[in-house]
Amino acid sequence: MQLADLQHEHGFFYWIDITEKPGEVFLNQLEQQLGLHEIALDNLFDTLHNPRLLEFEDHLLLAARVIEAWKTELDTTSLGIVLGKGFLITAHEKPLDLMDQILQRVKSNQNQVLVKGADRLLYLVLDTLTDHYYELLDTLSDRIDAIDDRATELSQKQDLILQRDILDTKRQLLAIHRATAPLRDALLNLRRTNRNLISEANELYLRDVFEHILQLLDTVETYREILSSTTELIMSAASNRMNEIMTFLTVFTTFFIPVNFIAGFYGMNLVMPEARLSVTYPIVIALMASLIAFMFVWFKRKRWL
């Protein structure tokens, strides 16, 4: 039986999951049997563009991004989704744990998914993808809390490490934002589509995913503002430490300006009358000490120390 014949069976739809980029023969079969547009096939595995929505006569293409690795470098892969009458196609260049989660949800909710049409399965895919973003965001939330705690107890040795952690976290938040912001726009366009691919009942579920993505983006922006505030706190702490150092050096230098003058004056290679007196040396030392004490008290009263 051809795939196109299955579309005419009442209440039947199928899900095709492609785990690696197929050859031209398979793509030609999809084009012929399902009537897929060649642009949809060309963009099914496209990883160069942002997630977006492409509408065709009797089907649509929705491209999304899945974020996988976090520890060393961010690893993202594309997820192409084609929704048509009686079928849903998901395509990715390598196996994804996300698809296993979707399959488990389908098995546990067969009565709610299998009999509701391919658009309900589309909701399940997008909802699982959104939950995936939330899980990553929860992990970053714990990391941001730890960064905030460390920022309140800054020490000179921790500055570079803390700033590196902040930059890494900002980069990860940016990756989530880049993946979800275009998906938000795609879902917004999907709600406005005039195609008869999504029923009114399932449109409510897609609207729920859209609202979740909006909340996720708000949370991402909040976390980015927190990290920006933490960065400002670190810079302020570093500036305060620099001011303290400069203040100490300035005061230390100022204390010794009159002392250096007296020492330079009596260090001249000239014969001075008072230099022959035995009390001259202790008097000069006492004068230097008195000047330092006087300046210290004066600075204290002026609140310069």
C-alpha atoms as a PDB file:
ATOM      1  CA  MET A   1       0.000   0.000   0.000  1.00  0.00           C
ATOM      2  CA  GLN A   2       1.256   3.483  -0.886  1.00  0.00           C
ATOM      3  CA  LEU A   3       1.548   6.154   1.797  1.00  0.00           C
ATOM      4  CA  ALA A   4      -0.873   8.333  -0.089  1.00  0.00           C
ATOM      5  CA  ASP A   5      -3.526   5.590   0.139  1.00  0.00           C
ATOM      6  CA  LEU A   6      -3.330   5.600   3.919  1.00  0.00           C
ATOM      7  CA  GLN A   7      -4.396   9.238   4.001  1.00  0.00           C
ATOM      8  CA  HIS A   8      -7.848   8.324   2.783  1.00  0.00           C
ATOM      9  CA  GLU A   9      -8.541   5.821   5.565  1.00  0.00           C
ATOM     10  CA  HIS A  10     -10.928   7.368   8.044  1.00  0.00           C
ATOM     11  CA  GLY A  11      -9.388   8.374  11.383  1.00  0.00           C
ATOM     12  CA  PHE A  12      -5.904   7.225  10.423  1.00  0.00           C
ATOM     13  CA  PHE A  13      -2.674   9.190  10.496  1.00  0.00           C
ATOM     14  CA  TYR A  14       0.949   8.170  10.675  1.00  0.00           C
ATOM     15  CA  TRP A  15       4.179   9.538  12.056  1.00  0.00           C
ATOM     16  CA  ILE A  16       7.435   9.257  10.102  1.00  0.00           C
ATOM     17  CA  ASP A  17      10.579   9.911  12.133  1.00  0.00           C
ATOM     18  CA  ILE A  18      13.764  10.264  10.063  1.00  0.00           C
ATOM     19  CA  THR A  19      16.880   9.876  12.211  1.00  0.00           C
ATOM     20  CA  GLU A  20      19.491  10.729   9.584  1.00  0.00           C
ATOM     21  CA  LYS A  21      19.616  12.573   6.294  1.00  0.00           C
ATOM     22  CA  PRO A  22      18.201  10.208   3.660  1.00  0.00           C
ATOM     23  CA  GLY A  23      19.194   9.814   0.053  1.00  0.00           C
ATOM     24  CA  GLU A  24      17.554  11.275  -2.999  1.00  0.00           C
ATOM     25  CA  VAL A  25      15.498   8.121  -3.638  1.00  0.00           C
ATOM     26  CA  PHE A  26      13.700   8.320  -0.291  1.00  0.00           C
ATOM     27  CA  LEU A  27      13.137  12.065  -0.626  1.00  0.00           C
ATOM     28  CA  ASN A  28      11.673  11.550  -4.109  1.00  0.00           C
ATOM     29  CA  GLN A  29       9.291   8.941  -2.671  1.00  0.00           C
ATOM     30  CA  LEU A  30       8.124  11.407  -0.038  1.00  0.00           C
ATOM     31  CA  GLU A  31       7.651  14.070  -2.672  1.00  0.00           C
ATOM     32  CA  GLN A  32       5.655  11.783  -4.961  1.00  0.00           C
ATOM     33  CA  GLN A  33       3.556   9.863  -2.443  1.00  0.00           C
ATOM     34  CA  LEU A  34       2.793  12.699  -0.037  1.00  0.00           C
ATOM     35  CA  GLY A  35       2.915  15.592  -2.459  1.00  0.00           C
ATOM     36  CA  LEU A  36       5.550  17.449  -0.460  1.00  0.00           C
ATOM     37  CA  HIS A  37       6.893  20.614  -1.980  1.00  0.00           C
ATOM     38  CA  GLU A  38      10.535  20.510  -3.021  1.00  0.00           C
ATOM     39  CA  ILE A  39      11.282  23.566  -0.844  1.00  0.00           C
ATOM     40  CA  ALA A  40       9.966  21.678   2.173  1.00  0.00           C
ATOM     41  CA  LEU A  41      12.271  18.766   1.383  1.00  0.00           C
ATOM     42  CA  ASP A  42      15.247  21.068   0.863  1.00  0.00           C
ATOM     43  CA  ASN A  43      14.698  22.760   4.222  1.00  0.00           C
ATOM     44  CA  LEU A  44      13.817  19.620   6.171  1.00  0.00           C
ATOM     45  CA  PHE A  45      17.404  19.183   7.424  1.00  0.00           C
ATOM     46  CA  ASP A  46      18.516  22.789   7.050  1.00  0.00           C
ATOM     47  CA  THR A  47      20.642  23.814  10.079  1.00  0.00           C
ATOM     48  CA  LEU A  48      21.807  27.176   8.742  1.00  0.00           C
ATOM     49  CA  HIS A  49      18.601  29.142   9.235  1.00  0.00           C
ATOM     50  CA  ASN A  50      16.580  30.081  12.287  1.00  0.00           C
ATOM     51  CA  PRO A  51      13.468  28.125  13.244  1.00  0.00           C
ATOM     52  CA  ARG A  52      10.633  29.285  11.037  1.00  0.00           C
ATOM     53  CA  LEU A  53       7.316  28.321   9.475  1.00  0.00           C
ATOM     54  CA  LEU A  54       6.861  27.654   5.764  1.00  0.00           C
ATOM     55  CA  GLU A  55       3.316  27.130   4.456  1.00  0.00           C
ATOM     56  CA  PHE A  56       2.414  25.201   1.327  1.00  0.00           C
ATOM     57  CA  GLU A  57      -0.836  24.203  -0.310  1.00  0.00           C
ATOM     58  CA  ASP A  58      -1.734  21.200   1.858  1.00  0.00           C
ATOM     59  CA  HIS A  59       1.120  20.968   4.362  1.00  0.00           C
ATOM     60  CA  LEU A  60       3.501  23.134   6.340  1.00  0.00           C
ATOM     61  CA  LEU A  61       7.101  22.964   7.523  1.00  0.00           C
ATOM     62  CA  LEU A  62       8.170  23.994  11.019  1.00  0.00           C
ATOM     63  CA  ALA A  63      11.896  24.058  11.813  1.00  0.00           C
ATOM     64  CA  ALA A  64      13.155  24.047  15.395  1.00  0.00           C
ATOM     65  CA  ARG A  65      16.408  23.607  17.299  1.00  0.00           C
ATOM     66  CA  VAL A  66      17.301  21.076  19.969  1.00  0.00           C
ATOM     67  CA  ILE A  67      20.082  21.941  22.426  1.00  0.00           C
ATOM     68  CA  GLU A  68      22.008  18.860  23.556  1.00  0.00           C
ATOM     69  CA  ALA A  69      25.445  19.359  25.160  1.00  0.00           C
ATOM     70  CA  TRP A  70      26.242  21.927  27.873  1.00  0.00           C
ATOM     71  CA  LYS A  71      29.433  20.982  29.688  1.00  0.00           C
ATOM     72  CA  THR A  72      32.087  21.882  27.122  1.00  0.00           C
ATOM     73  CA  GLU A  73      30.546  23.460  24.015  1.00  0.00           C
ATOM     74  CA  LEU A  74      26.948  24.067  23.076  1.00  0.00           C
ATOM     75  CA  ASP A  75      25.752  21.418  20.654  1.00  0.00           C
ATOM     76  CA  THR A  76      22.554  22.176  18.767  1.00  0.00           C
ATOM     77  CA  THR A  77      20.829  20.210  16.052  1.00  0.00           C
ATOM     78  CA  SER A  78      17.871  21.013  13.845  1.00  0.00           C
ATOM     79  CA  LEU A  79      14.472  19.367  14.067  1.00  0.00           C
ATOM     80  CA  GLY A  80      12.354  19.586  10.941  1.00  0.00           C
ATOM     81  CA  ILE A  81       8.604  18.992  11.305  1.00  0.00           C
ATOM     82  CA  VAL A  82       6.165  18.607   8.414  1.00  0.00           C
ATOM     83  CA  LEU A  83       2.433  18.554   9.156  1.00  0.00           C
ATOM     84  CA  GLY A  84       0.005  17.403   6.518  1.00  0.00           C
ATOM     85  CA  LYS A  85      -3.409  15.854   6.224  1.00  0.00           C
ATOM     86  CA  GLY A  86      -3.078  12.507   7.971  1.00  0.00           C
ATOM     87  CA  PHE A  87       0.678  12.543   8.590  1.00  0.00           C
ATOM     88  CA  LEU A  88       3.453  14.127  10.598  1.00  0.00           C
ATOM     89  CA  ILE A  89       7.145  13.938   9.664  1.00  0.00           C
ATOM     90  CA  THR A  90       9.984  14.671  12.084  1.00  0.00           C
ATOM     91  CA  ALA A  91      13.528  14.788  10.724  1.00  0.00           C
ATOM     92  CA  HIS A  92      16.879  15.150  12.492  1.00  0.00           C
ATOM     93  CA  GLU A  93      20.420  14.320  11.423  1.00  0.00           C
ATOM     94  CA  LYS A  94      21.196  12.102  14.427  1.00  0.00           C
ATOM     95  CA  PRO A  95      19.253  10.207  17.119  1.00  0.00           C
ATOM     96  CA  LEU A  96      17.769  12.427  19.814  1.00  0.00           C
ATOM     97  CA  ASP A  97      16.749  11.549  23.355  1.00  0.00           C
ATOM     98  CA  LEU A  98      13.922  14.007  22.829  1.00  0.00           C
ATOM     99  CA  MET A  99      12.247  11.685  20.345  1.00  0.00           C
ATOM    100  CA  ASP A 100      12.337   8.828  22.852  1.00  0.00           C
ATOM    101  CA  GLN A 101      10.540  11.059  25.351  1.00  0.00           C
ATOM    102  CA  ILE A 102       7.917  11.914  22.750  1.00  0.00           C
ATOM    103  CA  LEU A 103       7.394   8.229  21.946  1.00  0.00           C
ATOM    104  CA  GLN A 104       6.924   7.437  25.645  1.00  0.00           C
ATOM    105  CA  ARG A 105       4.325  10.184  25.953  1.00  0.00           C
ATOM    106  CA  VAL A 106       2.505   8.857  22.896  1.00  0.00           C
ATOM    107  CA  LYS A 107       2.420   5.349  24.367  1.00  0.00           C
ATOM    108  CA  SER A 108       1.156   6.588  27.721  1.00  0.00           C
ATOM    109  CA  ASN A 109      -1.533   8.799  26.119  1.00  0.00           C
ATOM    110  CA  GLN A 110      -2.651   6.768  23.119  1.00  0.00           C
ATOM    111  CA  ASN A 111      -6.330   7.586  23.565  1.00  0.00           C
ATOM    112  CA  GLN A 112      -5.565  11.300  23.732  1.00  0.00           C
ATOM    113  CA  VAL A 113      -3.107  11.391  20.833  1.00  0.00           C
ATOM    114  CA  LEU A 114      -3.689   8.672  18.290  1.00  0.00           C
ATOM    115  CA  VAL A 115      -7.387   9.410  17.806  1.00  0.00           C
ATOM    116  CA  LYS A 116      -7.033  13.198  17.734  1.00  0.00           C
ATOM    117  CA  GLY A 117      -5.068  13.554  14.516  1.00  0.00           C
ATOM    118  CA  ALA A 118      -1.601  14.535  13.407  1.00  0.00           C
ATOM    119  CA  ASP A 119      -2.015  18.065  14.731  1.00  0.00           C
ATOM    120  CA  ARG A 120      -2.360  16.678  18.262  1.00  0.00           C
ATOM    121  CA  LEU A 121       0.898  14.814  17.749  1.00  0.00           C
ATOM    122  CA  LEU A 122       2.428  18.097  16.579  1.00  0.00           C
ATOM    123  CA  TYR A 123       1.371  19.628  19.885  1.00  0.00           C
ATOM    124  CA  LEU A 124       2.989  16.739  21.755  1.00  0.00           C
ATOM    125  CA  VAL A 125       6.271  17.220  19.876  1.00  0.00           C
ATOM    126  CA  LEU A 126       6.348  20.977  20.523  1.00  0.00           C
ATOM    127  CA  ASP A 127       5.285  20.570  24.137  1.00  0.00           C
ATOM    128  CA  THR A 128       8.063  18.060  24.781  1.00  0.00           C
ATOM    129  CA  LEU A 129      10.532  20.387  23.073  1.00  0.00           C
ATOM    130  CA  THR A 130       9.367  23.241  25.308  1.00  0.00           C
ATOM    131  CA  ASP A 131       9.755  21.037  28.395  1.00  0.00           C
ATOM    132  CA  HIS A 132      13.267  20.289  27.166  1.00  0.00           C
ATOM    133  CA  TYR A 133      14.049  24.012  27.137  1.00  0.00           C
ATOM    134  CA  TYR A 134      12.592  24.377  30.624  1.00  0.00           C
ATOM    135  CA  GLU A 135      14.799  21.557  31.942  1.00  0.00           C
ATOM    136  CA  LEU A 136      17.877  23.326  30.580  1.00  0.00           C
ATOM    137  CA  LEU A 137      16.674  26.578  32.086  1.00  0.00           C
ATOM    138  CA  ASP A 138      16.168  24.943  35.495  1.00  0.00           C
ATOM    139  CA  THR A 139      19.764  23.742  35.381  1.00  0.00           C
ATOM    140  CA  LEU A 140      20.924  27.264  34.598  1.00  0.00           C
ATOM    141  CA  SER A 141      18.728  28.606  37.389  1.00  0.00           C
ATOM    142  CA  ASP A 142      20.679  26.613  39.975  1.00  0.00           C
ATOM    143  CA  ARG A 143      23.939  27.781  38.423  1.00  0.00           C
ATOM    144  CA  ILE A 144      22.812  31.425  38.482  1.00  0.00           C
ATOM    145  CA  ASP A 145      21.871  31.134  42.163  1.00  0.00           C
ATOM    146  CA  ALA A 146      25.343  29.763  42.904  1.00  0.00           C
ATOM    147  CA  ILE A 147      26.954  32.602  40.938  1.00  0.00           C
ATOM    148  CA  ASP A 148      24.902  35.156  42.842  1.00  0.00           C
ATOM    149  CA  ASP A 149      25.984  33.646  46.173  1.00  0.00           C
ATOM    150  CA  ARG A 150      29.633  33.697  45.120  1.00  0.00           C
ATOM    151  CA  ALA A 151      29.350  37.287  43.942  1.00  0.00           C
ATOM    152  CA  THR A 152      28.336  38.409  47.432  1.00  0.00           C
ATOM    153  CA  GLU A 153      31.595  37.023  48.837  1.00  0.00           C
ATOM    154  CA  LEU A 154      34.074  38.231  46.292  1.00  0.00           C
ATOM    155  CA  SER A 155      37.745  37.624  46.736  1.00  0.00           C
ATOM    156  CA  GLN A 156      40.538  38.553  44.403  1.00  0.00           C
ATOM    157  CA  LYS A 157      41.268  34.928  43.475  1.00  0.00           C
ATOM    158  CA  GLN A 158      37.651  34.198  42.551  1.00  0.00           C
ATOM    159  CA  ASP A 159      37.126  37.100  40.159  1.00  0.00           C
ATOM    160  CA  LEU A 160      38.427  35.505  36.969  1.00  0.00           C
ATOM    161  CA  ILE A 161      36.688  32.177  37.624  1.00  0.00           C
ATOM    162  CA  LEU A 162      33.419  33.885  38.461  1.00  0.00           C
ATOM    163  CA  GLN A 163      33.526  36.083  35.382  1.00  0.00           C
ATOM    164  CA  ARG A 164      34.223  33.037  33.200  1.00  0.00           C
ATOM    165  CA  ASP A 165      31.220  31.223  34.704  1.00  0.00           C
ATOM    166  CA  ILE A 166      29.030  34.259  34.080  1.00  0.00           C
ATOM    167  CA  LEU A 167      30.106  34.441  30.441  1.00  0.00           C
ATOM    168  CA  ASP A 168      29.461  30.708  29.954  1.00  0.00           C
ATOM    169  CA  THR A 169      26.012  31.004  31.496  1.00  0.00           C
ATOM    170  CA  LYS A 170      25.192  34.043  29.382  1.00  0.00           C
ATOM    171  CA  ARG A 171      26.193  32.107  26.273  1.00  0.00           C
ATOM    172  CA  GLN A 172      23.913  29.239  27.256  1.00  0.00           C
ATOM    173  CA  LEU A 173      21.019  31.604  27.907  1.00  0.00           C
ATOM    174  CA  LEU A 174      21.644  33.164  24.523  1.00  0.00           C
ATOM    175  CA  ALA A 175      21.479  29.707  22.924  1.00  0.00           C
ATOM    176  CA  ILE A 176      18.066  29.097  24.503  1.00  0.00           C
ATOM    177  CA  HIS A 177      16.894  32.533  23.385  1.00  0.00           C
ATOM    178  CA  ARG A 178      18.080  31.927  19.822  1.00  0.00           C
ATOM    179  CA  ALA A 179      16.240  28.609  19.729  1.00  0.00           C
ATOM    180  CA  THR A 180      12.965  29.722  21.305  1.00  0.00           C
ATOM    181  CA  ALA A 181      12.467  33.272  19.989  1.00  0.00           C
ATOM    182  CA  PRO A 182      12.119  32.200  16.312  1.00  0.00           C
ATOM    183  CA  LEU A 183       9.989  29.253  17.435  1.00  0.00           C
ATOM    184  CA  ARG A 184       7.688  31.724  19.174  1.00  0.00           C
ATOM    185  CA  ASP A 185       7.307  33.643  15.926  1.00  0.00           C
ATOM    186  CA  ALA A 186       6.702  30.426  14.003  1.00  0.00           C
ATOM    187  CA  LEU A 187       3.961  29.355  16.412  1.00  0.00           C
ATOM    188  CA  LEU A 188       2.405  32.799  16.205  1.00  0.00           C
ATOM    189  CA  ASN A 189       2.246  32.470  12.427  1.00  0.00           C
ATOM    190  CA  LEU A 190       0.925  28.937  12.817  1.00  0.00           C
ATOM    191  CA  ARG A 191      -2.003  30.261  14.879  1.00  0.00           C
ATOM    192  CA  ARG A 192      -2.786  32.749  12.117  1.00  0.00           C
ATOM    193  CA  THR A 193      -2.684  30.219   9.287  1.00  0.00           C
ATOM    194  CA  ASN A 194      -5.823  29.671   7.262  1.00  0.00           C
ATOM    195  CA  ARG A 195      -4.973  26.062   6.410  1.00  0.00           C
ATOM    196  CA  ASN A 196      -7.302  23.295   7.497  1.00  0.00           C
ATOM    197  CA  LEU A 197      -4.476  21.307   9.058  1.00  0.00           C
ATOM    198  CA  ILE A 198      -5.171  22.152  12.692  1.00  0.00           C
ATOM    199  CA  SER A 199      -8.521  21.641  14.361  1.00  0.00           C
ATOM    200  CA  GLU A 200      -9.985  24.138  16.803  1.00  0.00           C
ATOM    201  CA  ALA A 201      -9.581  21.708  19.697  1.00  0.00           C
ATOM    202  CA  ASN A 202      -5.909  21.120  18.997  1.00  0.00           C
ATOM    203  CA  GLU A 203      -5.342  24.830  18.360  1.00  0.00           C
ATOM    204  CA  LEU A 204      -5.955  25.370  22.082  1.00  0.00           C
ATOM    205  CA  TYR A 205      -3.096  22.985  22.875  1.00  0.00           C
ATOM    206  CA  LEU A 206      -0.764  24.793  20.489  1.00  0.00           C
ATOM    207  CA  ARG A 207      -1.759  28.072  22.096  1.00  0.00           C
ATOM    208  CA  ASP A 208      -0.733  26.579  25.439  1.00  0.00           C
ATOM    209  CA  VAL A 209       2.722  25.774  24.009  1.00  0.00           C
ATOM    210  CA  PHE A 210       2.943  29.319  22.675  1.00  0.00           C
ATOM    211  CA  GLU A 211       2.177  30.744  26.129  1.00  0.00           C
ATOM    212  CA  HIS A 212       4.794  28.492  27.715  1.00  0.00           C
ATOM    213  CA  ILE A 213       7.413  29.696  25.266  1.00  0.00           C
ATOM    214  CA  LEU A 214       6.519  33.310  26.089  1.00  0.00           C
ATOM    215  CA  GLN A 215       6.996  32.570  29.789  1.00  0.00           C
ATOM    216  CA  LEU A 216      10.280  30.827  29.045  1.00  0.00           C
ATOM    217  CA  LEU A 217      11.578  33.831  27.109  1.00  0.00           C
ATOM    218  CA  ASP A 218      10.584  36.129  29.976  1.00  0.00           C
ATOM    219  CA  THR A 219      12.504  33.905  32.377  1.00  0.00           C
ATOM    220  CA  VAL A 220      15.546  33.937  30.093  1.00  0.00           C
ATOM    221  CA  GLU A 221      15.496  37.737  30.009  1.00  0.00           C
ATOM    222  CA  THR A 222      15.172  37.847  33.794  1.00  0.00           C
ATOM    223  CA  TYR A 223      18.181  35.574  34.230  1.00  0.00           C
ATOM    224  CA  ARG A 224      20.200  37.653  31.776  1.00  0.00           C
ATOM    225  CA  GLU A 225      19.392  40.791  33.779  1.00  0.00           C
ATOM    226  CA  ILE A 226      20.466  39.031  36.980  1.00  0.00           C
ATOM    227  CA  LEU A 227      23.785  38.078  35.412  1.00  0.00           C
ATOM    228  CA  SER A 228      24.250  41.627  34.129  1.00  0.00           C
ATOM    229  CA  SER A 229      23.629  42.942  37.643  1.00  0.00           C
ATOM    230  CA  THR A 230      26.102  40.423  39.027  1.00  0.00           C
ATOM    231  CA  THR A 231      28.685  41.547  36.474  1.00  0.00           C
ATOM    232  CA  GLU A 232      28.142  45.143  37.548  1.00  0.00           C
ATOM    233  CA  LEU A 233      28.583  44.064  41.174  1.00  0.00           C
ATOM    234  CA  ILE A 234      31.891  42.411  40.335  1.00  0.00           C
ATOM    235  CA  MET A 235      33.089  45.477  38.440  1.00  0.00           C
ATOM    236  CA  SER A 236      32.001  47.713  41.312  1.00  0.00           C
ATOM    237  CA  ALA A 237      33.833  45.539  43.826  1.00  0.00           C
ATOM    238  CA  ALA A 238      36.970  45.593  41.676  1.00  0.00           C
ATOM    239  CA  SER A 239      36.691  49.378  41.331  1.00  0.00           C
ATOM    240  CA  ASN A 240      36.284  49.757  45.093  1.00  0.00           C
ATOM    241  CA  ARG A 241      39.356  47.643  45.732  1.00  0.00           C
ATOM    242  CA  MET A 242      41.307  49.730  43.243  1.00  0.00           C
ATOM    243  CA  ASN A 243      40.133  52.920  44.940  1.00  0.00           C
ATOM    244  CA  GLU A 244      41.224  51.589  48.314  1.00  0.00           C
ATOM    245  CA  ILE A 245      44.659  50.740  46.950  1.00  0.00           C
ATOM    246  CA  MET A 246      45.051  54.144  45.278  1.00  0.00           C
ATOM    247  CA  THR A 247      43.873  55.894  48.445  1.00  0.00           C
ATOM    248  CA  PHE A 248      46.426  54.031  50.550  1.00  0.00           C
ATOM    249  CA  LEU A 249      49.253  54.767  48.125  1.00  0.00           C
ATOM    250  CA  THR A 250      48.247  58.418  47.856  1.00  0.00           C
ATOM    251  CA  VAL A 251      48.097  58.881  51.631  1.00  0.00           C
ATOM    252  CA  PHE A 252      51.342  56.989  52.107  1.00  0.00           C
ATOM    253  CA  THR A 253      53.048  59.229  49.535  1.00  0.00           C
ATOM    254  CA  THR A 254      51.510  62.386  51.024  1.00  0.00           C
ATOM    255  CA  PHE A 255      52.815  61.515  54.500  1.00  0.00           C
ATOM    256  CA  PHE A 256      56.363  61.382  53.230  1.00  0.00           C
ATOM    257  CA  ILE A 257      56.322  64.572  51.139  1.00  0.00           C
ATOM    258  CA  PRO A 258      57.327  66.869  54.069  1.00  0.00           C
ATOM    259  CA  VAL A 259      59.650  64.177  55.442  1.00  0.00           C
ATOM    260  CA  ASN A 260      61.402  63.956  52.090  1.00  0.00           C
ATOM    261  CA  PHE A 261      61.669  67.742  51.996  1.00  0.00           C
ATOM    262  CA  ILE A 262      63.348  67.881  55.397  1.00  0.00           C
ATOM    263  CA  ALA A 263      65.623  64.958  54.577  1.00  0.00           C
ATOM    264  CA  GLY A 264      66.535  66.577  51.254  1.00  0.00           C
ATOM    265  CA  PHE A 265      67.147  69.928  52.852  1.00  0.00           C
ATOM    266  CA  TYR A 266      69.580  68.559  55.420  1.00  0.00           C
ATOM    267  CA  GLY A 267      71.057  66.221  52.876  1.00  0.00           C
ATOM    268  CA  MET A 268      72.557  69.056  50.888  1.00  0.00           C
ATOM    269  CA  ASN A 269      76.333  69.116  50.697  1.00  0.00           C
ATOM    270  CA  LEU A 270      76.551  72.373  52.695  1.00  0.00           C
ATOM    271  CA  VAL A 271      77.875  73.206  56.148  1.00  0.00           C
ATOM    272  CA  MET A 272      74.930  74.340  58.295  1.00  0.00           C
ATOM    273  CA  PRO A 273      75.467  75.951  61.723  1.00  0.00           C
ATOM    274  CA  GLU A 274      72.826  73.817  63.475  1.00  0.00           C
ATOM    275  CA  ALA A 275      74.338  70.655  62.047  1.00  0.00           C
ATOM    276  CA  ARG A 276      77.186  70.943  64.579  1.00  0.00           C
ATOM    277  CA  LEU A 277      74.794  70.879  67.547  1.00  0.00           C
ATOM    278  CA  SER A 278      74.231  67.512  69.230  1.00  0.00           C
ATOM    279  CA  VAL A 279      70.480  68.122  69.600  1.00  0.00           C
ATOM    280  CA  THR A 280      69.889  68.768  65.910  1.00  0.00           C
ATOM    281  CA  TYR A 281      69.469  65.112  64.968  1.00  0.00           C
ATOM    282  CA  PRO A 282      66.798  64.240  67.599  1.00  0.00           C
ATOM    283  CA  ILE A 283      64.996  67.525  66.903  1.00  0.00           C
ATOM    284  CA  VAL A 284      64.803  66.779  63.154  1.00  0.00           C
ATOM    285  CA  ILE A 285      63.584  63.233  63.817  1.00  0.00           C
ATOM    286  CA  ALA A 286      60.968  64.541  66.244  1.00  0.00           C
ATOM    287  CA  LEU A 287      59.883  67.148  63.701  1.00  0.00           C
ATOM    288  CA  MET A 288      59.390  64.475  61.034  1.00  0.00           C
ATOM    289  CA  ALA A 289      57.372  62.306  63.410  1.00  0.00           C
ATOM    290  CA  SER A 290      55.275  65.284  64.488  1.00  0.00           C
ATOM    291  CA  LEU A 291      54.479  66.202  60.895  1.00  0.00           C
ATOM    292  CA  ILE A 292      53.333  62.647  60.121  1.00  0.00           C
ATOM    293  CA  ALA A 293      51.179  62.565  63.281  1.00  0.00           C
ATOM    294  CA  PHE A 294      49.698  65.993  62.508  1.00  0.00           C
ATOM    295  CA  MET A 295      48.823  64.988  58.938  1.00  0.00           C
ATOM    296  CA  PHE A 296      47.293  61.724  60.141  1.00  0.00           C
ATOM    297  CA  VAL A 297      45.019  63.556  62.601  1.00  0.00           C
ATOM    298  CA  TRP A 298      44.125  66.174  59.985  1.00  0.00           C
ATOM    299  CA  PHE A 299      43.219  63.537  57.395  1.00  0.00           C
ATOM    300  CA  LYS A 300      41.063  61.769  59.957  1.00  0.00           C
ATOM    301  CA  ARG A 301      39.150  64.978  60.717  1.00  0.00           C
ATOM    302  CA  LYS A 302      38.681  65.619  57.024  1.00  0.00           C
ATOM    303  CA  ARG A 303      37.460  62.020  56.670  1.00  0.00           C
ATOM    304  CA  TRP A 304      40.030  61.329  54.021  1.00  0.00           C
ATOM    305  CA  LEU A 305      41.028  58.163  55.888  1.00  0.00           C
END
